[in-house]
Amino acid sequence: LERTKGAGWMTIYVNGDVGAVQAAVSDGQAMAEAADKFVT
């Protein structure tokens, strides 16, 4: 988990199988969008 420069942004780095990472990133994006805190 990395604190990036500017506006309190945090980057979450994950690794694993391609399908599992895609599923996890999609879920993470949905959770962040629901909280109106998603960047990229």
PDB file of all heavy atoms in Angstrom:
ATOM      1  N   LEU A   1       0.891  -1.155   0.000  1.00  0.00           N
ATOM      2  CA  LEU A   1       0.000   0.000   0.000  1.00  0.00           C
ATOM      3  C   LEU A   1       0.927   1.202   0.000  1.00  0.00           C
ATOM      4  O   LEU A   1       1.774   1.319   0.885  1.00  0.00           O
ATOM      5  CB  LEU A   1      -0.829  -0.015   1.286  1.00  0.00           C
ATOM      6  CG  LEU A   1      -2.306   0.269   1.230  1.00  0.00           C
ATOM      7  CD1 LEU A   1      -3.005  -0.765   0.389  1.00  0.00           C
ATOM      8  CD2 LEU A   1      -2.882   0.306   2.604  1.00  0.00           C
ATOM      9  N   GLU A   2       0.784   2.070  -0.969  1.00  0.00           N
ATOM     10  CA  GLU A   2       1.722   3.174  -1.106  1.00  0.00           C
ATOM     11  C   GLU A   2       1.001   4.511  -1.077  1.00  0.00           C
ATOM     12  O   GLU A   2       0.011   4.707  -1.780  1.00  0.00           O
ATOM     13  CB  GLU A   2       2.485   3.034  -2.426  1.00  0.00           C
ATOM     14  CG  GLU A   2       3.470   4.149  -2.692  1.00  0.00           C
ATOM     15  CD  GLU A   2       4.151   3.980  -4.038  1.00  0.00           C
ATOM     16  OE1 GLU A   2       3.437   3.898  -5.051  1.00  0.00           O
ATOM     17  OE2 GLU A   2       5.378   3.921  -4.046  1.00  0.00           O
ATOM     18  N   ARG A   3       1.524   5.412  -0.268  1.00  0.00           N
ATOM     19  CA  ARG A   3       0.992   6.781  -0.254  1.00  0.00           C
ATOM     20  C   ARG A   3       1.663   7.522  -1.403  1.00  0.00           C
ATOM     21  O   ARG A   3       2.881   7.633  -1.457  1.00  0.00           O
ATOM     22  CB  ARG A   3       1.305   7.457   1.069  1.00  0.00           C
ATOM     23  CG  ARG A   3       0.737   8.858   1.160  1.00  0.00           C
ATOM     24  CD  ARG A   3       0.866   9.449   2.511  1.00  0.00           C
ATOM     25  NE  ARG A   3       2.236   9.323   2.995  1.00  0.00           N
ATOM     26  CZ  ARG A   3       2.632   9.810   4.141  1.00  0.00           C
ATOM     27  NH1 ARG A   3       1.790  10.424   4.927  1.00  0.00           N
ATOM     28  NH2 ARG A   3       3.882   9.667   4.534  1.00  0.00           N
ATOM     29  N   THR A   4       0.856   7.991  -2.336  1.00  0.00           N
ATOM     30  CA  THR A   4       1.401   8.701  -3.487  1.00  0.00           C
ATOM     31  C   THR A   4       1.360  10.192  -3.225  1.00  0.00           C
ATOM     32  O   THR A   4       0.799  10.647  -2.233  1.00  0.00           O
ATOM     33  CB  THR A   4       0.599   8.370  -4.765  1.00  0.00           C
ATOM     34  OG1 THR A   4      -0.755   8.752  -4.564  1.00  0.00           O
ATOM     35  CG2 THR A   4       0.669   6.906  -5.089  1.00  0.00           C
ATOM     36  N   LYS A   5       1.966  10.933  -4.108  1.00  0.00           N
ATOM     37  CA  LYS A   5       2.021  12.382  -3.930  1.00  0.00           C
ATOM     38  C   LYS A   5       0.691  13.014  -4.328  1.00  0.00           C
ATOM     39  O   LYS A   5       0.127  12.677  -5.354  1.00  0.00           O
ATOM     40  CB  LYS A   5       3.140  12.976  -4.766  1.00  0.00           C
ATOM     41  CG  LYS A   5       4.498  12.538  -4.299  1.00  0.00           C
ATOM     42  CD  LYS A   5       5.584  13.182  -5.107  1.00  0.00           C
ATOM     43  CE  LYS A   5       6.929  12.711  -4.595  1.00  0.00           C
ATOM     44  NZ  LYS A   5       8.031  13.287  -5.329  1.00  0.00           N
ATOM     45  N   GLY A   6       0.222  13.925  -3.533  1.00  0.00           N
ATOM     46  CA  GLY A   6      -0.920  14.732  -3.908  1.00  0.00           C
ATOM     47  C   GLY A   6      -2.271  14.230  -3.466  1.00  0.00           C
ATOM     48  O   GLY A   6      -2.619  13.084  -3.679  1.00  0.00           O
ATOM     49  N   ALA A   7      -3.009  15.072  -2.822  1.00  0.00           N
ATOM     50  CA  ALA A   7      -4.425  14.887  -2.519  1.00  0.00           C
ATOM     51  C   ALA A   7      -4.763  13.631  -1.718  1.00  0.00           C
ATOM     52  O   ALA A   7      -5.874  13.146  -1.784  1.00  0.00           O
ATOM     53  CB  ALA A   7      -5.247  14.927  -3.803  1.00  0.00           C
ATOM     54  N   GLY A   8      -3.829  13.073  -0.977  1.00  0.00           N
ATOM     55  CA  GLY A   8      -4.107  11.917  -0.137  1.00  0.00           C
ATOM     56  C   GLY A   8      -4.343  10.619  -0.888  1.00  0.00           C
ATOM     57  O   GLY A   8      -4.990   9.710  -0.381  1.00  0.00           O
ATOM     58  N   TRP A   9      -3.831  10.509  -2.089  1.00  0.00           N
ATOM     59  CA  TRP A   9      -4.031   9.311  -2.892  1.00  0.00           C
ATOM     60  C   TRP A   9      -3.199   8.156  -2.360  1.00  0.00           C
ATOM     61  O   TRP A   9      -2.082   8.335  -1.893  1.00  0.00           O
ATOM     62  CB  TRP A   9      -3.669   9.552  -4.344  1.00  0.00           C
ATOM     63  CG  TRP A   9      -4.609  10.452  -5.089  1.00  0.00           C
ATOM     64  CD1 TRP A   9      -5.687  11.116  -4.579  1.00  0.00           C
ATOM     65  CD2 TRP A   9      -4.544  10.800  -6.458  1.00  0.00           C
ATOM     66  NE1 TRP A   9      -6.298  11.856  -5.550  1.00  0.00           N
ATOM     67  CE2 TRP A   9      -5.612  11.680  -6.725  1.00  0.00           C
ATOM     68  CE3 TRP A   9      -3.689  10.467  -7.493  1.00  0.00           C
ATOM     69  CZ2 TRP A   9      -5.846  12.214  -7.985  1.00  0.00           C
ATOM     70  CZ3 TRP A   9      -3.924  11.000  -8.746  1.00  0.00           C
ATOM     71  CH2 TRP A   9      -4.996  11.859  -8.981  1.00  0.00           C
ATOM     72  N   MET A  10      -3.762   6.959  -2.445  1.00  0.00           N
ATOM     73  CA  MET A  10      -3.099   5.720  -2.032  1.00  0.00           C
ATOM     74  C   MET A  10      -3.195   4.728  -3.186  1.00  0.00           C
ATOM     75  O   MET A  10      -4.239   4.637  -3.839  1.00  0.00           O
ATOM     76  CB  MET A  10      -3.791   5.114  -0.811  1.00  0.00           C
ATOM     77  CG  MET A  10      -3.820   5.981   0.426  1.00  0.00           C
ATOM     78  SD  MET A  10      -2.238   6.155   1.231  1.00  0.00           S
ATOM     79  CE  MET A  10      -1.899   4.497   1.748  1.00  0.00           C
ATOM     80  N   THR A  11      -2.111   3.997  -3.432  1.00  0.00           N
ATOM     81  CA  THR A  11      -2.115   2.967  -4.461  1.00  0.00           C
ATOM     82  C   THR A  11      -2.008   1.598  -3.798  1.00  0.00           C
ATOM     83  O   THR A  11      -1.139   1.388  -2.959  1.00  0.00           O
ATOM     84  CB  THR A  11      -0.952   3.150  -5.457  1.00  0.00           C
ATOM     85  OG1 THR A  11      -1.029   4.463  -6.013  1.00  0.00           O
ATOM     86  CG2 THR A  11      -1.028   2.127  -6.578  1.00  0.00           C
ATOM     87  N   ILE A  12      -2.893   0.703  -4.186  1.00  0.00           N
ATOM     88  CA  ILE A  12      -2.898  -0.667  -3.688  1.00  0.00           C
ATOM     89  C   ILE A  12      -2.286  -1.535  -4.788  1.00  0.00           C
ATOM     90  O   ILE A  12      -2.769  -1.536  -5.925  1.00  0.00           O
ATOM     91  CB  ILE A  12      -4.325  -1.149  -3.393  1.00  0.00           C
ATOM     92  CG1 ILE A  12      -5.021  -0.192  -2.434  1.00  0.00           C
ATOM     93  CG2 ILE A  12      -4.323  -2.575  -2.858  1.00  0.00           C
ATOM     94  CD1 ILE A  12      -6.525  -0.288  -2.449  1.00  0.00           C
ATOM     95  N   TYR A  13      -1.206  -2.250  -4.466  1.00  0.00           N
ATOM     96  CA  TYR A  13      -0.540  -3.164  -5.397  1.00  0.00           C
ATOM     97  C   TYR A  13      -0.926  -4.591  -5.018  1.00  0.00           C
ATOM     98  O   TYR A  13      -0.754  -4.980  -3.868  1.00  0.00           O
ATOM     99  CB  TYR A  13       0.982  -3.051  -5.282  1.00  0.00           C
ATOM    100  CG  TYR A  13       1.574  -1.743  -5.750  1.00  0.00           C
ATOM    101  CD1 TYR A  13       1.492  -0.599  -4.972  1.00  0.00           C
ATOM    102  CD2 TYR A  13       2.256  -1.671  -6.958  1.00  0.00           C
ATOM    103  CE1 TYR A  13       2.053   0.593  -5.385  1.00  0.00           C
ATOM    104  CE2 TYR A  13       2.829  -0.486  -7.377  1.00  0.00           C
ATOM    105  CZ  TYR A  13       2.722   0.641  -6.596  1.00  0.00           C
ATOM    106  OH  TYR A  13       3.278   1.831  -7.006  1.00  0.00           O
ATOM    107  N   VAL A  14      -1.427  -5.348  -5.978  1.00  0.00           N
ATOM    108  CA  VAL A  14      -1.772  -6.755  -5.726  1.00  0.00           C
ATOM    109  C   VAL A  14      -1.162  -7.612  -6.824  1.00  0.00           C
ATOM    110  O   VAL A  14      -0.906  -7.136  -7.928  1.00  0.00           O
ATOM    111  CB  VAL A  14      -3.301  -6.989  -5.659  1.00  0.00           C
ATOM    112  CG1 VAL A  14      -3.925  -6.199  -4.529  1.00  0.00           C
ATOM    113  CG2 VAL A  14      -3.982  -6.656  -6.972  1.00  0.00           C
ATOM    114  N   ASN A  15      -0.917  -8.887  -6.498  1.00  0.00           N
ATOM    115  CA  ASN A  15      -0.446  -9.803  -7.532  1.00  0.00           C
ATOM    116  C   ASN A  15      -1.058 -11.173  -7.330  1.00  0.00           C
ATOM    117  O   ASN A  15      -1.571 -11.493  -6.274  1.00  0.00           O
ATOM    118  CB  ASN A  15       1.084  -9.860  -7.596  1.00  0.00           C
ATOM    119  CG  ASN A  15       1.715 -10.204  -6.280  1.00  0.00           C
ATOM    120  OD1 ASN A  15       1.145 -10.918  -5.472  1.00  0.00           O
ATOM    121  ND2 ASN A  15       2.914  -9.707  -6.046  1.00  0.00           N
ATOM    122  N   GLY A  16      -0.999 -11.954  -8.403  1.00  0.00           N
ATOM    123  CA  GLY A  16      -1.572 -13.287  -8.398  1.00  0.00           C
ATOM    124  C   GLY A  16      -1.856 -13.729  -9.822  1.00  0.00           C
ATOM    125  O   GLY A  16      -1.336 -13.172 -10.786  1.00  0.00           O
ATOM    126  N   ASP A  17      -2.713 -14.724  -9.951  1.00  0.00           N
ATOM    127  CA  ASP A  17      -3.142 -15.224 -11.247  1.00  0.00           C
ATOM    128  C   ASP A  17      -3.874 -14.113 -12.001  1.00  0.00           C
ATOM    129  O   ASP A  17      -4.568 -13.292 -11.398  1.00  0.00           O
ATOM    130  CB  ASP A  17      -4.063 -16.428 -11.027  1.00  0.00           C
ATOM    131  CG  ASP A  17      -4.577 -17.031 -12.305  1.00  0.00           C
ATOM    132  OD1 ASP A  17      -3.834 -17.021 -13.301  1.00  0.00           O
ATOM    133  OD2 ASP A  17      -5.723 -17.513 -12.306  1.00  0.00           O
ATOM    134  N   VAL A  18      -3.738 -14.075 -13.331  1.00  0.00           N
ATOM    135  CA  VAL A  18      -4.320 -12.997 -14.136  1.00  0.00           C
ATOM    136  C   VAL A  18      -5.825 -12.845 -13.881  1.00  0.00           C
ATOM    137  O   VAL A  18      -6.316 -11.742 -13.635  1.00  0.00           O
ATOM    138  CB  VAL A  18      -4.051 -13.213 -15.647  1.00  0.00           C
ATOM    139  CG1 VAL A  18      -4.727 -12.130 -16.480  1.00  0.00           C
ATOM    140  CG2 VAL A  18      -2.562 -13.241 -15.928  1.00  0.00           C
ATOM    141  N   GLY A  19      -6.559 -13.940 -13.917  1.00  0.00           N
ATOM    142  CA  GLY A  19      -8.012 -13.880 -13.699  1.00  0.00           C
ATOM    143  C   GLY A  19      -8.366 -13.395 -12.302  1.00  0.00           C
ATOM    144  O   GLY A  19      -9.296 -12.604 -12.130  1.00  0.00           O
ATOM    145  N   ALA A  20      -7.607 -13.852 -11.315  1.00  0.00           N
ATOM    146  CA  ALA A  20      -7.871 -13.442  -9.929  1.00  0.00           C
ATOM    147  C   ALA A  20      -7.573 -11.959  -9.736  1.00  0.00           C
ATOM    148  O   ALA A  20      -8.331 -11.245  -9.070  1.00  0.00           O
ATOM    149  CB  ALA A  20      -7.032 -14.281  -8.969  1.00  0.00           C
ATOM    150  N   VAL A  21      -6.496 -11.488 -10.329  1.00  0.00           N
ATOM    151  CA  VAL A  21      -6.141 -10.071 -10.213  1.00  0.00           C
ATOM    152  C   VAL A  21      -7.188  -9.204 -10.913  1.00  0.00           C
ATOM    153  O   VAL A  21      -7.607  -8.172 -10.378  1.00  0.00           O
ATOM    154  CB  VAL A  21      -4.721  -9.802 -10.766  1.00  0.00           C
ATOM    155  CG1 VAL A  21      -4.445  -8.314 -10.882  1.00  0.00           C
ATOM    156  CG2 VAL A  21      -3.676 -10.461  -9.877  1.00  0.00           C
ATOM    157  N   GLN A  22      -7.648  -9.634 -12.081  1.00  0.00           N
ATOM    158  CA  GLN A  22      -8.690  -8.876 -12.779  1.00  0.00           C
ATOM    159  C   GLN A  22      -9.969  -8.801 -11.953  1.00  0.00           C
ATOM    160  O   GLN A  22     -10.592  -7.735 -11.853  1.00  0.00           O
ATOM    161  CB  GLN A  22      -8.980  -9.491 -14.149  1.00  0.00           C
ATOM    162  CG  GLN A  22      -7.887  -9.232 -15.153  1.00  0.00           C
ATOM    163  CD  GLN A  22      -8.138  -9.921 -16.491  1.00  0.00           C
ATOM    164  OE1 GLN A  22      -8.858 -10.927 -16.569  1.00  0.00           O
ATOM    165  NE2 GLN A  22      -7.530  -9.393 -17.542  1.00  0.00           N
ATOM    166  N   ALA A  23     -10.360  -9.913 -11.346  1.00  0.00           N
ATOM    167  CA  ALA A  23     -11.561  -9.927 -10.507  1.00  0.00           C
ATOM    168  C   ALA A  23     -11.386  -9.029  -9.291  1.00  0.00           C
ATOM    169  O   ALA A  23     -12.294  -8.258  -8.931  1.00  0.00           O
ATOM    170  CB  ALA A  23     -11.872 -11.356 -10.067  1.00  0.00           C
ATOM    171  N   ALA A  24     -10.220  -9.104  -8.661  1.00  0.00           N
ATOM    172  CA  ALA A  24      -9.967  -8.300  -7.471  1.00  0.00           C
ATOM    173  C   ALA A  24      -9.933  -6.807  -7.794  1.00  0.00           C
ATOM    174  O   ALA A  24     -10.494  -5.990  -7.064  1.00  0.00           O
ATOM    175  CB  ALA A  24      -8.657  -8.723  -6.818  1.00  0.00           C
ATOM    176  N   VAL A  25      -9.288  -6.443  -8.899  1.00  0.00           N
ATOM    177  CA  VAL A  25      -9.212  -5.030  -9.295  1.00  0.00           C
ATOM    178  C   VAL A  25     -10.604  -4.507  -9.658  1.00  0.00           C
ATOM    179  O   VAL A  25     -10.965  -3.385  -9.287  1.00  0.00           O
ATOM    180  CB  VAL A  25      -8.198  -4.836 -10.446  1.00  0.00           C
ATOM    181  CG1 VAL A  25      -8.320  -3.454 -11.069  1.00  0.00           C
ATOM    182  CG2 VAL A  25      -6.778  -5.052  -9.925  1.00  0.00           C
ATOM    183  N   SER A  26     -11.391  -5.307 -10.338  1.00  0.00           N
ATOM    184  CA  SER A  26     -12.775  -4.895 -10.663  1.00  0.00           C
ATOM    185  C   SER A  26     -13.579  -4.658  -9.396  1.00  0.00           C
ATOM    186  O   SER A  26     -14.324  -3.676  -9.294  1.00  0.00           O
ATOM    187  CB  SER A  26     -13.461  -5.952 -11.518  1.00  0.00           C
ATOM    188  OG  SER A  26     -12.862  -6.033 -12.777  1.00  0.00           O
ATOM    189  N   ASP A  27     -13.439  -5.555  -8.429  1.00  0.00           N
ATOM    190  CA  ASP A  27     -14.139  -5.393  -7.156  1.00  0.00           C
ATOM    191  C   ASP A  27     -13.630  -4.155  -6.418  1.00  0.00           C
ATOM    192  O   ASP A  27     -14.430  -3.383  -5.890  1.00  0.00           O
ATOM    193  CB  ASP A  27     -13.951  -6.626  -6.277  1.00  0.00           C
ATOM    194  CG  ASP A  27     -14.629  -6.457  -4.932  1.00  0.00           C
ATOM    195  OD1 ASP A  27     -15.880  -6.439  -4.898  1.00  0.00           O
ATOM    196  OD2 ASP A  27     -13.903  -6.302  -3.922  1.00  0.00           O
ATOM    197  N   GLY A  28     -12.320  -3.962  -6.396  1.00  0.00           N
ATOM    198  CA  GLY A  28     -11.747  -2.789  -5.733  1.00  0.00           C
ATOM    199  C   GLY A  28     -12.228  -1.498  -6.358  1.00  0.00           C
ATOM    200  O   GLY A  28     -12.555  -0.535  -5.658  1.00  0.00           O
ATOM    201  N   GLN A  29     -12.288  -1.480  -7.672  1.00  0.00           N
ATOM    202  CA  GLN A  29     -12.785  -0.301  -8.374  1.00  0.00           C
ATOM    203  C   GLN A  29     -14.241  -0.022  -8.005  1.00  0.00           C
ATOM    204  O   GLN A  29     -14.614   1.111  -7.727  1.00  0.00           O
ATOM    205  CB  GLN A  29     -12.647  -0.485  -9.884  1.00  0.00           C
ATOM    206  CG  GLN A  29     -13.146   0.704 -10.680  1.00  0.00           C
ATOM    207  CD  GLN A  29     -12.900   0.565 -12.173  1.00  0.00           C
ATOM    208  OE1 GLN A  29     -12.126  -0.286 -12.610  1.00  0.00           O
ATOM    209  NE2 GLN A  29     -13.555   1.391 -12.953  1.00  0.00           N
ATOM    210  N   ALA A  30     -15.060  -1.058  -7.985  1.00  0.00           N
ATOM    211  CA  ALA A  30     -16.477  -0.896  -7.643  1.00  0.00           C
ATOM    212  C   ALA A  30     -16.650  -0.378  -6.213  1.00  0.00           C
ATOM    213  O   ALA A  30     -17.482   0.500  -5.960  1.00  0.00           O
ATOM    214  CB  ALA A  30     -17.212  -2.222  -7.811  1.00  0.00           C
ATOM    215  N   MET A  31     -15.851  -0.912  -5.284  1.00  0.00           N
ATOM    216  CA  MET A  31     -15.944  -0.466  -3.888  1.00  0.00           C
ATOM    217  C   MET A  31     -15.531   0.997  -3.758  1.00  0.00           C
ATOM    218  O   MET A  31     -16.179   1.769  -3.047  1.00  0.00           O
ATOM    219  CB  MET A  31     -15.059  -1.333  -2.988  1.00  0.00           C
ATOM    220  CG  MET A  31     -15.451  -2.791  -2.931  1.00  0.00           C
ATOM    221  SD  MET A  31     -17.098  -3.071  -2.287  1.00  0.00           S
ATOM    222  CE  MET A  31     -16.776  -2.856  -0.569  1.00  0.00           C
ATOM    223  N   ALA A  32     -14.465   1.375  -4.431  1.00  0.00           N
ATOM    224  CA  ALA A  32     -13.990   2.762  -4.362  1.00  0.00           C
ATOM    225  C   ALA A  32     -14.967   3.722  -5.040  1.00  0.00           C
ATOM    226  O   ALA A  32     -15.193   4.833  -4.547  1.00  0.00           O
ATOM    227  CB  ALA A  32     -12.609   2.870  -5.000  1.00  0.00           C
ATOM    228  N   GLU A  33     -15.546   3.303  -6.159  1.00  0.00           N
ATOM    229  CA  GLU A  33     -16.535   4.143  -6.840  1.00  0.00           C
ATOM    230  C   GLU A  33     -17.771   4.342  -5.980  1.00  0.00           C
ATOM    231  O   GLU A  33     -18.354   5.433  -5.952  1.00  0.00           O
ATOM    232  CB  GLU A  33     -16.910   3.544  -8.194  1.00  0.00           C
ATOM    233  CG  GLU A  33     -15.843   3.726  -9.243  1.00  0.00           C
ATOM    234  CD  GLU A  33     -16.160   3.026 -10.557  1.00  0.00           C
ATOM    235  OE1 GLU A  33     -17.042   2.119 -10.589  1.00  0.00           O
ATOM    236  OE2 GLU A  33     -15.506   3.360 -11.556  1.00  0.00           O
ATOM    237  N   ALA A  34     -18.179   3.293  -5.268  1.00  0.00           N
ATOM    238  CA  ALA A  34     -19.347   3.397  -4.380  1.00  0.00           C
ATOM    239  C   ALA A  34     -19.105   4.413  -3.266  1.00  0.00           C
ATOM    240  O   ALA A  34     -20.036   5.077  -2.818  1.00  0.00           O
ATOM    241  CB  ALA A  34     -19.684   2.032  -3.795  1.00  0.00           C
ATOM    242  N   ALA A  35     -17.847   4.535  -2.841  1.00  0.00           N
ATOM    243  CA  ALA A  35     -17.492   5.499  -1.797  1.00  0.00           C
ATOM    244  C   ALA A  35     -17.100   6.854  -2.391  1.00  0.00           C
ATOM    245  O   ALA A  35     -16.734   7.767  -1.659  1.00  0.00           O
ATOM    246  CB  ALA A  35     -16.338   4.951  -0.965  1.00  0.00           C
ATOM    247  N   ASP A  36     -17.172   6.973  -3.719  1.00  0.00           N
ATOM    248  CA  ASP A  36     -16.784   8.187  -4.441  1.00  0.00           C
ATOM    249  C   ASP A  36     -15.326   8.568  -4.153  1.00  0.00           C
ATOM    250  O   ASP A  36     -15.001   9.739  -3.993  1.00  0.00           O
ATOM    251  CB  ASP A  36     -17.737   9.343  -4.106  1.00  0.00           C
ATOM    252  CG  ASP A  36     -17.670  10.454  -5.145  1.00  0.00           C
ATOM    253  OD1 ASP A  36     -17.366  10.160  -6.312  1.00  0.00           O
ATOM    254  OD2 ASP A  36     -17.893  11.627  -4.770  1.00  0.00           O
ATOM    255  N   LYS A  37     -14.452   7.546  -4.091  1.00  0.00           N
ATOM    256  CA  LYS A  37     -13.030   7.757  -3.788  1.00  0.00           C
ATOM    257  C   LYS A  37     -12.115   7.115  -4.830  1.00  0.00           C
ATOM    258  O   LYS A  37     -10.929   6.964  -4.605  1.00  0.00           O
ATOM    259  CB  LYS A  37     -12.685   7.174  -2.406  1.00  0.00           C
ATOM    260  CG  LYS A  37     -13.472   7.753  -1.265  1.00  0.00           C
ATOM    261  CD  LYS A  37     -13.057   9.161  -0.964  1.00  0.00           C
ATOM    262  CE  LYS A  37     -13.798   9.692   0.254  1.00  0.00           C
ATOM    263  NZ  LYS A  37     -13.403  11.028   0.603  1.00  0.00           N
ATOM    264  N   PHE A  38     -12.651   6.738  -5.979  1.00  0.00           N
ATOM    265  CA  PHE A  38     -11.869   6.044  -7.008  1.00  0.00           C
ATOM    266  C   PHE A  38     -11.064   7.032  -7.846  1.00  0.00           C
ATOM    267  O   PHE A  38     -11.562   8.091  -8.225  1.00  0.00           O
ATOM    268  CB  PHE A  38     -12.805   5.238  -7.921  1.00  0.00           C
ATOM    269  CG  PHE A  38     -12.100   4.538  -9.033  1.00  0.00           C
ATOM    270  CD1 PHE A  38     -11.313   3.431  -8.779  1.00  0.00           C
ATOM    271  CD2 PHE A  38     -12.206   4.994 -10.336  1.00  0.00           C
ATOM    272  CE1 PHE A  38     -10.644   2.777  -9.813  1.00  0.00           C
ATOM    273  CE2 PHE A  38     -11.552   4.349 -11.372  1.00  0.00           C
ATOM    274  CZ  PHE A  38     -10.775   3.243 -11.108  1.00  0.00           C
ATOM    275  N   VAL A  39      -9.808   6.671  -8.156  1.00  0.00           N
ATOM    276  CA  VAL A  39      -8.952   7.485  -9.017  1.00  0.00           C
ATOM    277  C   VAL A  39      -8.690   6.737 -10.331  1.00  0.00           C
ATOM    278  O   VAL A  39      -9.070   7.198 -11.396  1.00  0.00           O
ATOM    279  CB  VAL A  39      -7.626   7.854  -8.321  1.00  0.00           C
ATOM    280  CG1 VAL A  39      -6.725   8.648  -9.255  1.00  0.00           C
ATOM    281  CG2 VAL A  39      -7.887   8.635  -7.043  1.00  0.00           C
ATOM    282  N   THR A  40      -8.029   5.563 -10.255  1.00  0.00           N
ATOM    283  CA  THR A  40      -7.747   4.776 -11.448  1.00  0.00           C
ATOM    284  C   THR A  40      -7.420   3.329 -11.067  1.00  0.00           C
ATOM    285  O   THR A  40      -7.129   3.054  -9.903  1.00  0.00           O
ATOM    286  CB  THR A  40      -6.580   5.382 -12.262  1.00  0.00           C
ATOM    287  OG1 THR A  40      -6.482   4.721 -13.521  1.00  0.00           O
ATOM    288  CG2 THR A  40      -5.261   5.282 -11.525  1.00  0.00           C
TER     289      THR A  40
END
